[in-house]
Amino acid sequence: MRGTRIPSNTITPPLDRLIFLNRGLSWVVRRLEALMPRVRDADLHADLRAMLDSHRENIARAEGYARQGQVHSTLSSSKVERGTPDICGPPT
């Protein structure tokens, strides 16, 4: 399925959306890991490091939610607290 684009709005079950999101975040992590050793600008390197760390944290958090079966309740409530977008859609 490599190279096939799936519109994110067609993925409706919350767990499937979470898995789809983590695939994208994982792709970015791999790209940043490959790029960072070549970045010589200290400010840019620091910004990319912060992005990499944030993506890794988000991947781990989403995996934890999925393992605990808290996809609906935890993500829906946390998005309100942090003002983040609802990646799972409304609870069913």
PDB file of N, CA and C in Angstrom:
ATOM      1  N   MET A   1       0.817  -1.187   0.000  1.00  0.00           N
ATOM      2  CA  MET A   1       0.000   0.000   0.000  1.00  0.00           C
ATOM      3  C   MET A   1       0.864   1.256   0.000  1.00  0.00           C
ATOM      4  N   ARG A   2       2.139   1.076  -0.104  1.00  0.00           N
ATOM      5  CA  ARG A   2       3.072   2.196  -0.105  1.00  0.00           C
ATOM      6  C   ARG A   2       2.764   3.139  -1.269  1.00  0.00           C
ATOM      7  N   GLY A   3       2.745   4.428  -0.957  1.00  0.00           N
ATOM      8  CA  GLY A   3       2.488   5.411  -1.987  1.00  0.00           C
ATOM      9  C   GLY A   3       1.013   5.694  -2.219  1.00  0.00           C
ATOM     10  N   THR A   4       0.146   4.911  -1.607  1.00  0.00           N
ATOM     11  CA  THR A   4      -1.286   5.123  -1.747  1.00  0.00           C
ATOM     12  C   THR A   4      -1.742   6.106  -0.692  1.00  0.00           C
ATOM     13  N   ARG A   5      -2.423   7.131  -1.117  1.00  0.00           N
ATOM     14  CA  ARG A   5      -2.920   8.144  -0.185  1.00  0.00           C
ATOM     15  C   ARG A   5      -4.337   7.782   0.241  1.00  0.00           C
ATOM     16  N   ILE A   6      -4.551   7.809   1.548  1.00  0.00           N
ATOM     17  CA  ILE A   6      -5.876   7.550   2.098  1.00  0.00           C
ATOM     18  C   ILE A   6      -6.350   8.840   2.744  1.00  0.00           C
ATOM     19  N   PRO A   7      -7.456   9.400   2.285  1.00  0.00           N
ATOM     20  CA  PRO A   7      -7.957  10.615   2.935  1.00  0.00           C
ATOM     21  C   PRO A   7      -8.294  10.310   4.388  1.00  0.00           C
ATOM     22  N   SER A   8      -7.763  11.114   5.319  1.00  0.00           N
ATOM     23  CA  SER A   8      -7.952  10.826   6.739  1.00  0.00           C
ATOM     24  C   SER A   8      -9.411  10.895   7.161  1.00  0.00           C
ATOM     25  N   ASN A   9     -10.238  11.646   6.439  1.00  0.00           N
ATOM     26  CA  ASN A   9     -11.641  11.740   6.827  1.00  0.00           C
ATOM     27  C   ASN A   9     -12.435  10.487   6.454  1.00  0.00           C
ATOM     28  N   THR A  10     -11.819   9.549   5.743  1.00  0.00           N
ATOM     29  CA  THR A  10     -12.516   8.304   5.420  1.00  0.00           C
ATOM     30  C   THR A  10     -12.250   7.223   6.466  1.00  0.00           C
ATOM     31  N   ILE A  11     -11.369   7.505   7.422  1.00  0.00           N
ATOM     32  CA  ILE A  11     -11.036   6.546   8.470  1.00  0.00           C
ATOM     33  C   ILE A  11     -11.864   6.905   9.692  1.00  0.00           C
ATOM     34  N   THR A  12     -12.921   6.127   9.936  1.00  0.00           N
ATOM     35  CA  THR A  12     -13.865   6.527  10.962  1.00  0.00           C
ATOM     36  C   THR A  12     -13.686   5.871  12.325  1.00  0.00           C
ATOM     37  N   PRO A  13     -13.391   4.587  12.457  1.00  0.00           N
ATOM     38  CA  PRO A  13     -13.245   4.060  13.819  1.00  0.00           C
ATOM     39  C   PRO A  13     -12.082   4.755  14.529  1.00  0.00           C
ATOM     40  N   PRO A  14     -12.291   5.208  15.754  1.00  0.00           N
ATOM     41  CA  PRO A  14     -11.240   5.964  16.464  1.00  0.00           C
ATOM     42  C   PRO A  14      -9.894   5.248  16.526  1.00  0.00           C
ATOM     43  N   LEU A  15      -9.890   3.971  16.787  1.00  0.00           N
ATOM     44  CA  LEU A  15      -8.618   3.253  16.867  1.00  0.00           C
ATOM     45  C   LEU A  15      -7.908   3.263  15.515  1.00  0.00           C
ATOM     46  N   ASP A  16      -8.657   3.107  14.436  1.00  0.00           N
ATOM     47  CA  ASP A  16      -8.056   3.153  13.105  1.00  0.00           C
ATOM     48  C   ASP A  16      -7.471   4.534  12.806  1.00  0.00           C
ATOM     49  N   ARG A  17      -8.149   5.579  13.241  1.00  0.00           N
ATOM     50  CA  ARG A  17      -7.644   6.938  13.030  1.00  0.00           C
ATOM     51  C   ARG A  17      -6.360   7.148  13.820  1.00  0.00           C
ATOM     52  N   LEU A  18      -6.330   6.604  15.023  1.00  0.00           N
ATOM     53  CA  LEU A  18      -5.142   6.732  15.862  1.00  0.00           C
ATOM     54  C   LEU A  18      -3.955   6.008  15.240  1.00  0.00           C
ATOM     55  N   ILE A  19      -4.185   4.826  14.718  1.00  0.00           N
ATOM     56  CA  ILE A  19      -3.128   4.062  14.048  1.00  0.00           C
ATOM     57  C   ILE A  19      -2.645   4.821  12.809  1.00  0.00           C
ATOM     58  N   PHE A  20      -3.570   5.376  12.057  1.00  0.00           N
ATOM     59  CA  PHE A  20      -3.224   6.150  10.859  1.00  0.00           C
ATOM     60  C   PHE A  20      -2.374   7.372  11.243  1.00  0.00           C
ATOM     61  N   LEU A  21      -2.766   8.054  12.301  1.00  0.00           N
ATOM     62  CA  LEU A  21      -2.008   9.209  12.768  1.00  0.00           C
ATOM     63  C   LEU A  21      -0.596   8.794  13.165  1.00  0.00           C
ATOM     64  N   ASN A  22      -0.475   7.697  13.891  1.00  0.00           N
ATOM     65  CA  ASN A  22       0.848   7.255  14.325  1.00  0.00           C
ATOM     66  C   ASN A  22       1.727   6.840  13.160  1.00  0.00           C
ATOM     67  N   ARG A  23       1.146   6.292  12.118  1.00  0.00           N
ATOM     68  CA  ARG A  23       1.943   5.970  10.924  1.00  0.00           C
ATOM     69  C   ARG A  23       2.566   7.236  10.346  1.00  0.00           C
ATOM     70  N   GLY A  24       1.784   8.300  10.282  1.00  0.00           N
ATOM     71  CA  GLY A  24       2.305   9.570   9.768  1.00  0.00           C
ATOM     72  C   GLY A  24       3.363  10.161  10.675  1.00  0.00           C
ATOM     73  N   LEU A  25       3.115  10.130  11.981  1.00  0.00           N
ATOM     74  CA  LEU A  25       4.105  10.643  12.924  1.00  0.00           C
ATOM     75  C   LEU A  25       5.395   9.830  12.859  1.00  0.00           C
ATOM     76  N   SER A  26       5.269   8.527  12.706  1.00  0.00           N
ATOM     77  CA  SER A  26       6.446   7.661  12.612  1.00  0.00           C
ATOM     78  C   SER A  26       7.256   7.976  11.360  1.00  0.00           C
ATOM     79  N   TRP A  27       6.578   8.275  10.274  1.00  0.00           N
ATOM     80  CA  TRP A  27       7.267   8.648   9.036  1.00  0.00           C
ATOM     81  C   TRP A  27       8.086   9.918   9.271  1.00  0.00           C
ATOM     82  N   VAL A  28       7.486  10.909   9.933  1.00  0.00           N
ATOM     83  CA  VAL A  28       8.194  12.159  10.209  1.00  0.00           C
ATOM     84  C   VAL A  28       9.395  11.899  11.116  1.00  0.00           C
ATOM     85  N   VAL A  29       9.222  11.052  12.128  1.00  0.00           N
ATOM     86  CA  VAL A  29      10.334  10.719  13.032  1.00  0.00           C
ATOM     87  C   VAL A  29      11.500  10.125  12.244  1.00  0.00           C
ATOM     88  N   ARG A  30      11.209   9.185  11.352  1.00  0.00           N
ATOM     89  CA  ARG A  30      12.289   8.579  10.557  1.00  0.00           C
ATOM     90  C   ARG A  30      13.005   9.621   9.702  1.00  0.00           C
ATOM     91  N   ARG A  31      12.246  10.523   9.116  1.00  0.00           N
ATOM     92  CA  ARG A  31      12.858  11.562   8.270  1.00  0.00           C
ATOM     93  C   ARG A  31      13.722  12.509   9.105  1.00  0.00           C
ATOM     94  N   LEU A  32      13.229  12.891  10.270  1.00  0.00           N
ATOM     95  CA  LEU A  32      14.005  13.783  11.136  1.00  0.00           C
ATOM     96  C   LEU A  32      15.277  13.099  11.619  1.00  0.00           C
ATOM     97  N   GLU A  33      15.180  11.840  11.985  1.00  0.00           N
ATOM     98  CA  GLU A  33      16.365  11.104  12.427  1.00  0.00           C
ATOM     99  C   GLU A  33      17.422  11.049  11.327  1.00  0.00           C
ATOM    100  N   ALA A  34      16.993  10.905  10.104  1.00  0.00           N
ATOM    101  CA  ALA A  34      17.936  10.857   8.987  1.00  0.00           C
ATOM    102  C   ALA A  34      18.519  12.237   8.675  1.00  0.00           C
ATOM    103  N   LEU A  35      17.746  13.261   8.861  1.00  0.00           N
ATOM    104  CA  LEU A  35      18.158  14.616   8.510  1.00  0.00           C
ATOM    105  C   LEU A  35      19.052  15.269   9.559  1.00  0.00           C
ATOM    106  N   MET A  36      18.751  15.065  10.812  1.00  0.00           N
ATOM    107  CA  MET A  36      19.402  15.830  11.873  1.00  0.00           C
ATOM    108  C   MET A  36      20.926  15.735  11.924  1.00  0.00           C
ATOM    109  N   PRO A  37      21.534  14.597  11.642  1.00  0.00           N
ATOM    110  CA  PRO A  37      23.005  14.568  11.675  1.00  0.00           C
ATOM    111  C   PRO A  37      23.658  15.511  10.662  1.00  0.00           C
ATOM    112  N   ARG A  38      22.925  15.908   9.635  1.00  0.00           N
ATOM    113  CA  ARG A  38      23.494  16.791   8.606  1.00  0.00           C
ATOM    114  C   ARG A  38      23.222  18.267   8.861  1.00  0.00           C
ATOM    115  N   VAL A  39      22.373  18.583   9.846  1.00  0.00           N
ATOM    116  CA  VAL A  39      22.018  19.977  10.127  1.00  0.00           C
ATOM    117  C   VAL A  39      23.100  20.607  10.998  1.00  0.00           C
ATOM    118  N   ARG A  40      23.707  21.656  10.495  1.00  0.00           N
ATOM    119  CA  ARG A  40      24.809  22.318  11.200  1.00  0.00           C
ATOM    120  C   ARG A  40      24.355  23.557  11.967  1.00  0.00           C
ATOM    121  N   ASP A  41      23.250  24.141  11.591  1.00  0.00           N
ATOM    122  CA  ASP A  41      22.741  25.327  12.261  1.00  0.00           C
ATOM    123  C   ASP A  41      22.179  24.929  13.631  1.00  0.00           C
ATOM    124  N   ALA A  42      22.721  25.499  14.695  1.00  0.00           N
ATOM    125  CA  ALA A  42      22.360  25.110  16.055  1.00  0.00           C
ATOM    126  C   ALA A  42      20.887  25.390  16.374  1.00  0.00           C
ATOM    127  N   ASP A  43      20.382  26.543  15.922  1.00  0.00           N
ATOM    128  CA  ASP A  43      18.980  26.877  16.198  1.00  0.00           C
ATOM    129  C   ASP A  43      18.030  25.932  15.474  1.00  0.00           C
ATOM    130  N   LEU A  44      18.330  25.673  14.208  1.00  0.00           N
ATOM    131  CA  LEU A  44      17.498  24.745  13.443  1.00  0.00           C
ATOM    132  C   LEU A  44      17.566  23.347  14.048  1.00  0.00           C
ATOM    133  N   HIS A  45      18.746  22.932  14.426  1.00  0.00           N
ATOM    134  CA  HIS A  45      18.910  21.610  15.033  1.00  0.00           C
ATOM    135  C   HIS A  45      18.082  21.500  16.316  1.00  0.00           C
ATOM    136  N   ALA A  46      18.096  22.541  17.131  1.00  0.00           N
ATOM    137  CA  ALA A  46      17.314  22.541  18.371  1.00  0.00           C
ATOM    138  C   ALA A  46      15.820  22.463  18.082  1.00  0.00           C
ATOM    139  N   ASP A  47      15.367  23.202  17.071  1.00  0.00           N
ATOM    140  CA  ASP A  47      13.948  23.158  16.698  1.00  0.00           C
ATOM    141  C   ASP A  47      13.555  21.768  16.195  1.00  0.00           C
ATOM    142  N   LEU A  48      14.405  21.180  15.362  1.00  0.00           N
ATOM    143  CA  LEU A  48      14.112  19.833  14.852  1.00  0.00           C
ATOM    144  C   LEU A  48      14.143  18.808  15.973  1.00  0.00           C
ATOM    145  N   ARG A  49      15.060  18.953  16.922  1.00  0.00           N
ATOM    146  CA  ARG A  49      15.132  18.046  18.077  1.00  0.00           C
ATOM    147  C   ARG A  49      13.836  18.139  18.896  1.00  0.00           C
ATOM    148  N   ALA A  50      13.353  19.360  19.111  1.00  0.00           N
ATOM    149  CA  ALA A  50      12.104  19.544  19.856  1.00  0.00           C
ATOM    150  C   ALA A  50      10.938  18.887  19.124  1.00  0.00           C
ATOM    151  N   MET A  51      10.904  19.032  17.800  1.00  0.00           N
ATOM    152  CA  MET A  51       9.846  18.404  17.009  1.00  0.00           C
ATOM    153  C   MET A  51       9.945  16.884  17.101  1.00  0.00           C
ATOM    154  N   LEU A  52      11.141  16.362  16.985  1.00  0.00           N
ATOM    155  CA  LEU A  52      11.356  14.919  17.071  1.00  0.00           C
ATOM    156  C   LEU A  52      10.904  14.385  18.427  1.00  0.00           C
ATOM    157  N   ASP A  53      11.311  15.046  19.492  1.00  0.00           N
ATOM    158  CA  ASP A  53      10.924  14.621  20.836  1.00  0.00           C
ATOM    159  C   ASP A  53       9.409  14.673  21.019  1.00  0.00           C
ATOM    160  N   SER A  54       8.789  15.719  20.513  1.00  0.00           N
ATOM    161  CA  SER A  54       7.338  15.869  20.618  1.00  0.00           C
ATOM    162  C   SER A  54       6.610  14.755  19.864  1.00  0.00           C
ATOM    163  N   HIS A  55       7.082  14.452  18.661  1.00  0.00           N
ATOM    164  CA  HIS A  55       6.451  13.375  17.875  1.00  0.00           C
ATOM    165  C   HIS A  55       6.603  12.035  18.583  1.00  0.00           C
ATOM    166  N   ARG A  56       7.778  11.769  19.126  1.00  0.00           N
ATOM    167  CA  ARG A  56       7.982  10.503  19.845  1.00  0.00           C
ATOM    168  C   ARG A  56       7.052  10.411  21.049  1.00  0.00           C
ATOM    169  N   GLU A  57       6.908  11.510  21.776  1.00  0.00           N
ATOM    170  CA  GLU A  57       6.021  11.535  22.937  1.00  0.00           C
ATOM    171  C   GLU A  57       4.566  11.299  22.512  1.00  0.00           C
ATOM    172  N   ASN A  58       4.151  11.941  21.430  1.00  0.00           N
ATOM    173  CA  ASN A  58       2.782  11.773  20.945  1.00  0.00           C
ATOM    174  C   ASN A  58       2.520  10.347  20.472  1.00  0.00           C
ATOM    175  N   ILE A  59       3.491   9.740  19.822  1.00  0.00           N
ATOM    176  CA  ILE A  59       3.344   8.353  19.387  1.00  0.00           C
ATOM    177  C   ILE A  59       3.159   7.453  20.607  1.00  0.00           C
ATOM    178  N   ALA A  60       4.005   7.621  21.601  1.00  0.00           N
ATOM    179  CA  ALA A  60       3.919   6.798  22.812  1.00  0.00           C
ATOM    180  C   ALA A  60       2.593   7.016  23.530  1.00  0.00           C
ATOM    181  N   ARG A  61       2.155   8.255  23.631  1.00  0.00           N
ATOM    182  CA  ARG A  61       0.886   8.558  24.294  1.00  0.00           C
ATOM    183  C   ARG A  61      -0.286   7.910  23.553  1.00  0.00           C
ATOM    184  N   ALA A  62      -0.295   8.039  22.240  1.00  0.00           N
ATOM    185  CA  ALA A  62      -1.389   7.450  21.455  1.00  0.00           C
ATOM    186  C   ALA A  62      -1.380   5.931  21.557  1.00  0.00           C
ATOM    187  N   GLU A  63      -0.193   5.329  21.537  1.00  0.00           N
ATOM    188  CA  GLU A  63      -0.115   3.873  21.698  1.00  0.00           C
ATOM    189  C   GLU A  63      -0.635   3.451  23.065  1.00  0.00           C
ATOM    190  N   GLY A  64      -0.330   4.226  24.080  1.00  0.00           N
ATOM    191  CA  GLY A  64      -0.828   3.938  25.424  1.00  0.00           C
ATOM    192  C   GLY A  64      -2.342   4.024  25.495  1.00  0.00           C
ATOM    193  N   TYR A  65      -2.912   5.057  24.884  1.00  0.00           N
ATOM    194  CA  TYR A  65      -4.365   5.192  24.864  1.00  0.00           C
ATOM    195  C   TYR A  65      -5.004   4.000  24.166  1.00  0.00           C
ATOM    196  N   ALA A  66      -4.442   3.614  23.049  1.00  0.00           N
ATOM    197  CA  ALA A  66      -4.996   2.503  22.279  1.00  0.00           C
ATOM    198  C   ALA A  66      -4.927   1.196  23.074  1.00  0.00           C
ATOM    199  N   ARG A  67      -3.785   0.975  23.737  1.00  0.00           N
ATOM    200  CA  ARG A  67      -3.637  -0.246  24.548  1.00  0.00           C
ATOM    201  C   ARG A  67      -4.628  -0.293  25.692  1.00  0.00           C
ATOM    202  N   GLN A  68      -4.912   0.844  26.270  1.00  0.00           N
ATOM    203  CA  GLN A  68      -5.809   0.893  27.418  1.00  0.00           C
ATOM    204  C   GLN A  68      -7.273   0.969  27.015  1.00  0.00           C
ATOM    205  N   GLY A  69      -7.541   1.064  25.725  1.00  0.00           N
ATOM    206  CA  GLY A  69      -8.922   1.165  25.266  1.00  0.00           C
ATOM    207  C   GLY A  69      -9.557   2.495  25.610  1.00  0.00           C
ATOM    208  N   GLN A  70      -8.750   3.531  25.754  1.00  0.00           N
ATOM    209  CA  GLN A  70      -9.246   4.842  26.143  1.00  0.00           C
ATOM    210  C   GLN A  70      -9.286   5.804  24.962  1.00  0.00           C
ATOM    211  N   VAL A  71      -9.463   5.288  23.791  1.00  0.00           N
ATOM    212  CA  VAL A  71      -9.403   6.141  22.607  1.00  0.00           C
ATOM    213  C   VAL A  71     -10.487   7.215  22.661  1.00  0.00           C
ATOM    214  N   HIS A  72     -11.719   6.847  22.993  1.00  0.00           N
ATOM    215  CA  HIS A  72     -12.809   7.838  23.018  1.00  0.00           C
ATOM    216  C   HIS A  72     -12.677   8.799  24.181  1.00  0.00           C
ATOM    217  N   SER A  73     -12.678   8.276  25.381  1.00  0.00           N
ATOM    218  CA  SER A  73     -12.774   9.134  26.552  1.00  0.00           C
ATOM    219  C   SER A  73     -11.537   9.992  26.768  1.00  0.00           C
ATOM    220  N   THR A  74     -10.359   9.424  26.693  1.00  0.00           N
ATOM    221  CA  THR A  74      -9.154  10.175  27.011  1.00  0.00           C
ATOM    222  C   THR A  74      -8.847  11.210  25.938  1.00  0.00           C
ATOM    223  N   LEU A  75      -8.876  10.830  24.679  1.00  0.00           N
ATOM    224  CA  LEU A  75      -8.545  11.791  23.635  1.00  0.00           C
ATOM    225  C   LEU A  75      -9.598  12.880  23.540  1.00  0.00           C
ATOM    226  N   SER A  76     -10.853  12.537  23.698  1.00  0.00           N
ATOM    227  CA  SER A  76     -11.894  13.555  23.603  1.00  0.00           C
ATOM    228  C   SER A  76     -11.778  14.571  24.729  1.00  0.00           C
ATOM    229  N   SER A  77     -11.490  14.129  25.949  1.00  0.00           N
ATOM    230  CA  SER A  77     -11.379  15.070  27.052  1.00  0.00           C
ATOM    231  C   SER A  77     -10.075  15.851  26.981  1.00  0.00           C
ATOM    232  N   SER A  78      -8.974  15.213  26.564  1.00  0.00           N
ATOM    233  CA  SER A  78      -7.699  15.918  26.527  1.00  0.00           C
ATOM    234  C   SER A  78      -7.673  16.978  25.445  1.00  0.00           C
ATOM    235  N   LYS A  79      -8.388  16.777  24.367  1.00  0.00           N
ATOM    236  CA  LYS A  79      -8.394  17.786  23.312  1.00  0.00           C
ATOM    237  C   LYS A  79      -9.040  19.071  23.791  1.00  0.00           C
ATOM    238  N   VAL A  80     -10.014  18.964  24.670  1.00  0.00           N
ATOM    239  CA  VAL A  80     -10.668  20.150  25.205  1.00  0.00           C
ATOM    240  C   VAL A  80      -9.708  20.883  26.128  1.00  0.00           C
ATOM    241  N   GLU A  81      -8.997  20.140  26.968  1.00  0.00           N
ATOM    242  CA  GLU A  81      -8.068  20.752  27.910  1.00  0.00           C
ATOM    243  C   GLU A  81      -6.917  21.455  27.199  1.00  0.00           C
ATOM    244  N   ARG A  82      -6.396  20.848  26.133  1.00  0.00           N
ATOM    245  CA  ARG A  82      -5.222  21.406  25.459  1.00  0.00           C
ATOM    246  C   ARG A  82      -5.568  22.178  24.196  1.00  0.00           C
ATOM    247  N   GLY A  83      -6.825  22.170  23.801  1.00  0.00           N
ATOM    248  CA  GLY A  83      -7.207  22.874  22.587  1.00  0.00           C
ATOM    249  C   GLY A  83      -6.703  22.209  21.330  1.00  0.00           C
ATOM    250  N   THR A  84      -6.484  20.890  21.369  1.00  0.00           N
ATOM    251  CA  THR A  84      -5.986  20.178  20.201  1.00  0.00           C
ATOM    252  C   THR A  84      -7.153  19.651  19.383  1.00  0.00           C
ATOM    253  N   PRO A  85      -6.932  19.390  18.106  1.00  0.00           N
ATOM    254  CA  PRO A  85      -8.017  18.893  17.269  1.00  0.00           C
ATOM    255  C   PRO A  85      -8.442  17.484  17.674  1.00  0.00           C
ATOM    256  N   ASP A  86      -9.687  17.168  17.421  1.00  0.00           N
ATOM    257  CA  ASP A  86     -10.242  15.860  17.728  1.00  0.00           C
ATOM    258  C   ASP A  86      -9.893  14.924  16.577  1.00  0.00           C
ATOM    259  N   ILE A  87      -8.911  14.048  16.792  1.00  0.00           N
ATOM    260  CA  ILE A  87      -8.462  13.164  15.718  1.00  0.00           C
ATOM    261  C   ILE A  87      -9.359  11.952  15.568  1.00  0.00           C
ATOM    262  N   CYS A  88     -10.197  11.714  16.554  1.00  0.00           N
ATOM    263  CA  CYS A  88     -11.008  10.494  16.539  1.00  0.00           C
ATOM    264  C   CYS A  88     -12.437  10.740  16.121  1.00  0.00           C
ATOM    265  N   GLY A  89     -12.844  11.958  16.018  1.00  0.00           N
ATOM    266  CA  GLY A  89     -14.246  12.227  15.733  1.00  0.00           C
ATOM    267  C   GLY A  89     -15.058  12.050  16.999  1.00  0.00           C
ATOM    268  N   PRO A  90     -16.362  12.221  16.908  1.00  0.00           N
ATOM    269  CA  PRO A  90     -17.198  12.124  18.101  1.00  0.00           C
ATOM    270  C   PRO A  90     -17.265  10.694  18.619  1.00  0.00           C
ATOM    271  N   PRO A  91     -17.405  10.540  19.952  1.00  0.00           N
ATOM    272  CA  PRO A  91     -17.540   9.189  20.512  1.00  0.00           C
ATOM    273  C   PRO A  91     -18.777   8.506  19.955  1.00  0.00           C
ATOM    274  N   THR A  92     -18.671   7.212  19.793  1.00  0.00           N
ATOM    275  CA  THR A  92     -19.819   6.452  19.286  1.00  0.00           C
ATOM    276  C   THR A  92     -20.485   5.710  20.403  1.00  0.00           C
TER     277      THR A  92
END
